[in-house]
Amino acid sequence: MASKRRRLSDLLHIAGLEKFDAAACKLGFVGRAILATLGGCGLYWACLKRSSSARVTSVLFLSPPVTLLWAWAMFGEPLSWPMLVGTAISGTGVLLMMRSDTRGTHS
């Protein structure tokens, strides 16, 4: 156990994190998780009050394309043609849903 702790200490030193506070880190993760959960649910419910459930739910299908673009921009993840085709299909579906919803032709 002591050698494991020593290795962790050496790694933190190499990374420049000698004063790493695990409790503060855990609190930060918990705070962000609560904020993301409550913020996401709150925004979802606010959108449901202002629009139809079909329209709000259709926008949720943009989550994978947004994540894909975020990973590309932030982490340099490679993009492929199937990913871009899937993004186009999702976007087209959401646009069609929005158009039909505003015309009142959805069932």
N, C-alpha and C. Protein backbone atom coordinates (compact mmCIF):
# COMPACT_ATOMS: atom_id res chain seq x y z
N MET A 1 0.82 -1.19 0.00
CA MET A 1 0.00 0.00 0.00
C MET A 1 0.87 1.25 0.00
N ALA A 2 1.96 1.22 0.76
CA ALA A 2 2.84 2.38 0.85
C ALA A 2 3.52 2.64 -0.49
N SER A 3 3.91 1.57 -1.21
CA SER A 3 4.57 1.78 -2.50
C SER A 3 3.58 2.34 -3.52
N LYS A 4 2.32 1.93 -3.42
CA LYS A 4 1.30 2.44 -4.31
C LYS A 4 1.09 3.94 -4.07
N ARG A 5 1.06 4.31 -2.81
CA ARG A 5 0.89 5.72 -2.44
C ARG A 5 2.10 6.53 -2.90
N ARG A 6 3.28 5.94 -2.81
CA ARG A 6 4.50 6.62 -3.24
C ARG A 6 4.48 6.83 -4.76
N ARG A 7 4.02 5.83 -5.51
CA ARG A 7 3.95 5.97 -6.96
C ARG A 7 2.96 7.07 -7.35
N LEU A 8 1.83 7.13 -6.65
CA LEU A 8 0.86 8.17 -6.91
C LEU A 8 1.45 9.54 -6.60
N SER A 9 2.18 9.63 -5.52
CA SER A 9 2.83 10.87 -5.14
C SER A 9 3.84 11.30 -6.21
N ASP A 10 4.60 10.35 -6.74
CA ASP A 10 5.56 10.66 -7.80
C ASP A 10 4.85 11.14 -9.07
N LEU A 11 3.75 10.49 -9.42
CA LEU A 11 3.00 10.90 -10.61
C LEU A 11 2.44 12.32 -10.45
N LEU A 12 1.91 12.62 -9.27
CA LEU A 12 1.38 13.95 -9.02
C LEU A 12 2.50 14.99 -9.10
N HIS A 13 3.68 14.62 -8.60
CA HIS A 13 4.82 15.54 -8.66
C HIS A 13 5.23 15.81 -10.10
N ILE A 14 5.29 14.76 -10.91
CA ILE A 14 5.66 14.91 -12.32
C ILE A 14 4.64 15.78 -13.05
N ALA A 15 3.36 15.61 -12.73
CA ALA A 15 2.31 16.39 -13.39
C ALA A 15 2.18 17.79 -12.82
N GLY A 16 2.90 18.09 -11.76
CA GLY A 16 2.82 19.41 -11.15
C GLY A 16 1.61 19.58 -10.26
N LEU A 17 1.11 18.48 -9.73
CA LEU A 17 -0.09 18.52 -8.90
C LEU A 17 0.21 18.07 -7.47
N GLU A 18 1.30 18.55 -6.92
CA GLU A 18 1.67 18.11 -5.57
C GLU A 18 0.61 18.48 -4.54
N LYS A 19 -0.05 19.61 -4.75
CA LYS A 19 -1.05 20.07 -3.79
C LYS A 19 -2.46 19.72 -4.25
N PHE A 20 -2.60 18.60 -4.90
CA PHE A 20 -3.90 18.14 -5.39
C PHE A 20 -4.82 17.86 -4.22
N ASP A 21 -6.00 18.46 -4.23
CA ASP A 21 -6.97 18.29 -3.16
C ASP A 21 -8.10 17.39 -3.65
N ALA A 22 -8.07 16.13 -3.23
CA ALA A 22 -9.06 15.16 -3.70
C ALA A 22 -10.47 15.53 -3.26
N ALA A 23 -10.63 16.07 -2.06
CA ALA A 23 -11.96 16.44 -1.58
C ALA A 23 -12.55 17.56 -2.44
N ALA A 24 -11.75 18.55 -2.77
CA ALA A 24 -12.23 19.64 -3.62
C ALA A 24 -12.57 19.13 -5.01
N CYS A 25 -11.79 18.19 -5.50
CA CYS A 25 -12.04 17.61 -6.81
C CYS A 25 -13.38 16.87 -6.81
N LYS A 26 -13.62 16.06 -5.79
CA LYS A 26 -14.88 15.32 -5.69
C LYS A 26 -16.05 16.28 -5.58
N LEU A 27 -15.90 17.32 -4.78
CA LEU A 27 -16.96 18.31 -4.64
C LEU A 27 -17.24 19.00 -5.97
N GLY A 28 -16.20 19.29 -6.72
CA GLY A 28 -16.38 19.89 -8.03
C GLY A 28 -17.13 18.99 -9.00
N PHE A 29 -16.80 17.71 -8.99
CA PHE A 29 -17.50 16.76 -9.85
C PHE A 29 -18.97 16.65 -9.47
N VAL A 30 -19.23 16.55 -8.18
CA VAL A 30 -20.62 16.43 -7.71
C VAL A 30 -21.40 17.70 -8.06
N GLY A 31 -20.79 18.85 -7.84
CA GLY A 31 -21.45 20.11 -8.17
C GLY A 31 -21.78 20.23 -9.64
N ARG A 32 -20.84 19.85 -10.49
CA ARG A 32 -21.10 19.91 -11.93
C ARG A 32 -22.15 18.90 -12.36
N ALA A 33 -22.14 17.73 -11.76
CA ALA A 33 -23.15 16.72 -12.10
C ALA A 33 -24.54 17.21 -11.72
N ILE A 34 -24.66 17.81 -10.55
CA ILE A 34 -25.96 18.32 -10.11
C ILE A 34 -26.40 19.46 -11.02
N LEU A 35 -25.49 20.38 -11.32
CA LEU A 35 -25.81 21.50 -12.19
C LEU A 35 -26.23 21.02 -13.58
N ALA A 36 -25.50 20.08 -14.13
CA ALA A 36 -25.83 19.57 -15.47
C ALA A 36 -27.17 18.86 -15.47
N THR A 37 -27.43 18.07 -14.43
CA THR A 37 -28.69 17.34 -14.35
C THR A 37 -29.87 18.28 -14.18
N LEU A 38 -29.78 19.15 -13.19
CA LEU A 38 -30.89 20.07 -12.94
C LEU A 38 -31.05 21.07 -14.07
N GLY A 39 -29.93 21.54 -14.61
CA GLY A 39 -30.01 22.47 -15.73
C GLY A 39 -30.62 21.84 -16.96
N GLY A 40 -30.21 20.63 -17.27
CA GLY A 40 -30.76 19.94 -18.44
C GLY A 40 -32.23 19.62 -18.28
N CYS A 41 -32.60 19.12 -17.13
CA CYS A 41 -34.02 18.80 -16.88
C CYS A 41 -34.86 20.07 -16.84
N GLY A 42 -34.33 21.11 -16.22
CA GLY A 42 -35.07 22.37 -16.14
C GLY A 42 -35.29 22.98 -17.52
N LEU A 43 -34.26 22.94 -18.36
CA LEU A 43 -34.39 23.46 -19.71
C LEU A 43 -35.39 22.63 -20.52
N TYR A 44 -35.35 21.33 -20.33
CA TYR A 44 -36.28 20.44 -21.03
C TYR A 44 -37.72 20.77 -20.64
N TRP A 45 -37.98 20.91 -19.35
CA TRP A 45 -39.34 21.23 -18.90
C TRP A 45 -39.77 22.61 -19.35
N ALA A 46 -38.87 23.58 -19.35
CA ALA A 46 -39.21 24.92 -19.84
C ALA A 46 -39.58 24.88 -21.32
N CYS A 47 -38.84 24.10 -22.09
CA CYS A 47 -39.16 23.96 -23.52
C CYS A 47 -40.49 23.27 -23.72
N LEU A 48 -40.80 22.28 -22.88
CA LEU A 48 -42.09 21.59 -22.99
C LEU A 48 -43.26 22.53 -22.71
N LYS A 49 -43.06 23.49 -21.82
CA LYS A 49 -44.12 24.46 -21.54
C LYS A 49 -44.38 25.38 -22.73
N ARG A 50 -43.34 25.66 -23.51
CA ARG A 50 -43.46 26.61 -24.61
C ARG A 50 -43.77 25.96 -25.95
N SER A 51 -43.55 24.66 -26.08
CA SER A 51 -43.71 24.01 -27.38
C SER A 51 -44.33 22.63 -27.20
N SER A 52 -44.57 21.96 -28.31
CA SER A 52 -45.17 20.62 -28.24
C SER A 52 -44.12 19.59 -27.85
N SER A 53 -44.60 18.50 -27.30
CA SER A 53 -43.67 17.45 -26.87
C SER A 53 -42.95 16.83 -28.07
N ALA A 54 -43.62 16.71 -29.20
CA ALA A 54 -42.99 16.13 -30.39
C ALA A 54 -41.82 17.00 -30.86
N ARG A 55 -42.02 18.30 -30.83
CA ARG A 55 -40.97 19.21 -31.28
C ARG A 55 -39.77 19.19 -30.33
N VAL A 56 -40.04 19.22 -29.04
CA VAL A 56 -38.96 19.23 -28.05
C VAL A 56 -38.19 17.91 -28.10
N THR A 57 -38.89 16.82 -28.20
CA THR A 57 -38.24 15.51 -28.24
C THR A 57 -37.42 15.33 -29.51
N SER A 58 -37.89 15.89 -30.62
CA SER A 58 -37.13 15.75 -31.87
C SER A 58 -35.76 16.44 -31.78
N VAL A 59 -35.68 17.51 -31.02
CA VAL A 59 -34.41 18.21 -30.88
C VAL A 59 -33.40 17.36 -30.11
N LEU A 60 -33.87 16.44 -29.28
CA LEU A 60 -32.96 15.55 -28.55
C LEU A 60 -32.14 14.67 -29.50
N PHE A 61 -32.64 14.46 -30.72
CA PHE A 61 -31.91 13.66 -31.69
C PHE A 61 -30.65 14.39 -32.21
N LEU A 62 -30.49 15.65 -31.85
CA LEU A 62 -29.28 16.38 -32.23
C LEU A 62 -28.15 16.19 -31.22
N SER A 63 -28.41 15.49 -30.14
CA SER A 63 -27.39 15.27 -29.12
C SER A 63 -26.16 14.52 -29.67
N PRO A 64 -26.32 13.40 -30.38
CA PRO A 64 -25.12 12.73 -30.92
C PRO A 64 -24.32 13.59 -31.90
N PRO A 65 -24.96 14.31 -32.84
CA PRO A 65 -24.15 15.16 -33.72
C PRO A 65 -23.42 16.27 -32.97
N VAL A 66 -24.05 16.85 -31.96
CA VAL A 66 -23.39 17.90 -31.20
C VAL A 66 -22.18 17.32 -30.45
N THR A 67 -22.36 16.14 -29.87
CA THR A 67 -21.25 15.48 -29.18
C THR A 67 -20.12 15.15 -30.15
N LEU A 68 -20.48 14.70 -31.33
CA LEU A 68 -19.50 14.40 -32.38
C LEU A 68 -18.67 15.64 -32.73
N LEU A 69 -19.34 16.75 -32.96
CA LEU A 69 -18.63 17.98 -33.31
C LEU A 69 -17.80 18.51 -32.14
N TRP A 70 -18.31 18.36 -30.94
CA TRP A 70 -17.56 18.79 -29.76
C TRP A 70 -16.28 17.97 -29.60
N ALA A 71 -16.38 16.67 -29.79
CA ALA A 71 -15.20 15.80 -29.67
C ALA A 71 -14.17 16.13 -30.76
N TRP A 72 -14.67 16.46 -31.95
CA TRP A 72 -13.76 16.85 -33.04
C TRP A 72 -13.04 18.16 -32.70
N ALA A 73 -13.80 19.15 -32.21
CA ALA A 73 -13.22 20.46 -31.93
C ALA A 73 -12.30 20.43 -30.71
N MET A 74 -12.69 19.72 -29.67
CA MET A 74 -11.94 19.75 -28.42
C MET A 74 -10.78 18.77 -28.38
N PHE A 75 -10.99 17.57 -28.93
CA PHE A 75 -10.01 16.51 -28.76
C PHE A 75 -9.39 16.02 -30.06
N GLY A 76 -9.78 16.63 -31.17
CA GLY A 76 -9.19 16.23 -32.44
C GLY A 76 -9.64 14.86 -32.93
N GLU A 77 -10.81 14.43 -32.49
CA GLU A 77 -11.33 13.13 -32.94
C GLU A 77 -11.56 13.18 -34.45
N PRO A 78 -11.19 12.15 -35.16
CA PRO A 78 -11.37 12.19 -36.61
C PRO A 78 -12.85 12.04 -36.99
N LEU A 79 -13.23 12.73 -38.05
CA LEU A 79 -14.58 12.62 -38.59
C LEU A 79 -14.56 11.67 -39.78
N SER A 80 -15.64 10.94 -39.95
CA SER A 80 -15.75 10.03 -41.09
C SER A 80 -17.03 10.35 -41.86
N TRP A 81 -17.10 9.84 -43.07
CA TRP A 81 -18.29 10.08 -43.88
C TRP A 81 -19.55 9.52 -43.23
N PRO A 82 -19.55 8.32 -42.68
CA PRO A 82 -20.78 7.84 -42.02
C PRO A 82 -21.24 8.77 -40.88
N MET A 83 -20.29 9.34 -40.16
CA MET A 83 -20.66 10.27 -39.08
C MET A 83 -21.34 11.50 -39.66
N LEU A 84 -20.77 12.04 -40.73
CA LEU A 84 -21.35 13.24 -41.35
C LEU A 84 -22.70 12.95 -41.99
N VAL A 85 -22.84 11.78 -42.59
CA VAL A 85 -24.13 11.39 -43.17
C VAL A 85 -25.19 11.25 -42.06
N GLY A 86 -24.81 10.62 -40.96
CA GLY A 86 -25.74 10.49 -39.83
C GLY A 86 -26.14 11.85 -39.27
N THR A 87 -25.20 12.78 -39.20
CA THR A 87 -25.50 14.13 -38.73
C THR A 87 -26.48 14.81 -39.68
N ALA A 88 -26.26 14.66 -40.98
CA ALA A 88 -27.17 15.26 -41.96
C ALA A 88 -28.57 14.65 -41.87
N ILE A 89 -28.64 13.34 -41.66
CA ILE A 89 -29.94 12.68 -41.54
C ILE A 89 -30.67 13.17 -40.29
N SER A 90 -29.96 13.26 -39.18
CA SER A 90 -30.58 13.75 -37.94
C SER A 90 -31.05 15.18 -38.10
N GLY A 91 -30.21 16.02 -38.66
CA GLY A 91 -30.57 17.42 -38.87
C GLY A 91 -31.77 17.58 -39.79
N THR A 92 -31.80 16.80 -40.86
CA THR A 92 -32.93 16.84 -41.79
C THR A 92 -34.22 16.40 -41.10
N GLY A 93 -34.13 15.35 -40.32
CA GLY A 93 -35.32 14.88 -39.58
C GLY A 93 -35.85 15.93 -38.62
N VAL A 94 -34.96 16.59 -37.90
CA VAL A 94 -35.39 17.63 -36.96
C VAL A 94 -36.01 18.80 -37.72
N LEU A 95 -35.40 19.21 -38.84
CA LEU A 95 -35.98 20.31 -39.63
C LEU A 95 -37.35 19.95 -40.17
N LEU A 96 -37.52 18.72 -40.65
CA LEU A 96 -38.83 18.29 -41.14
C LEU A 96 -39.86 18.29 -40.02
N MET A 97 -39.46 17.86 -38.85
CA MET A 97 -40.37 17.85 -37.71
C MET A 97 -40.76 19.27 -37.33
N MET A 98 -39.81 20.17 -37.33
CA MET A 98 -40.10 21.57 -36.98
C MET A 98 -41.05 22.19 -38.00
N ARG A 99 -40.82 21.92 -39.27
CA ARG A 99 -41.69 22.47 -40.31
C ARG A 99 -43.10 21.93 -40.20
N SER A 100 -43.23 20.63 -39.99
CA SER A 100 -44.57 20.05 -39.90
C SER A 100 -45.28 20.50 -38.63
N ASP A 101 -44.51 20.73 -37.58
CA ASP A 101 -45.11 21.17 -36.31
C ASP A 101 -45.64 22.60 -36.42
N THR A 102 -44.91 23.46 -37.11
CA THR A 102 -45.37 24.85 -37.24
C THR A 102 -46.56 24.97 -38.19
N ARG A 103 -46.68 24.06 -39.12
CA ARG A 103 -47.83 24.07 -40.02
C ARG A 103 -49.06 23.44 -39.41
N GLY A 104 -48.85 22.69 -38.32
CA GLY A 104 -49.99 22.02 -37.68
C GLY A 104 -50.42 20.77 -38.40
N THR A 105 -49.54 20.15 -39.20
CA THR A 105 -49.91 18.96 -39.96
C THR A 105 -49.49 17.67 -39.27
N HIS A 106 -48.86 17.77 -38.09
CA HIS A 106 -48.46 16.53 -37.43
C HIS A 106 -49.67 15.92 -36.74
N SER A 107 -49.60 14.60 -36.53
CA SER A 107 -50.75 13.93 -35.92
C SER A 107 -50.49 13.62 -34.48
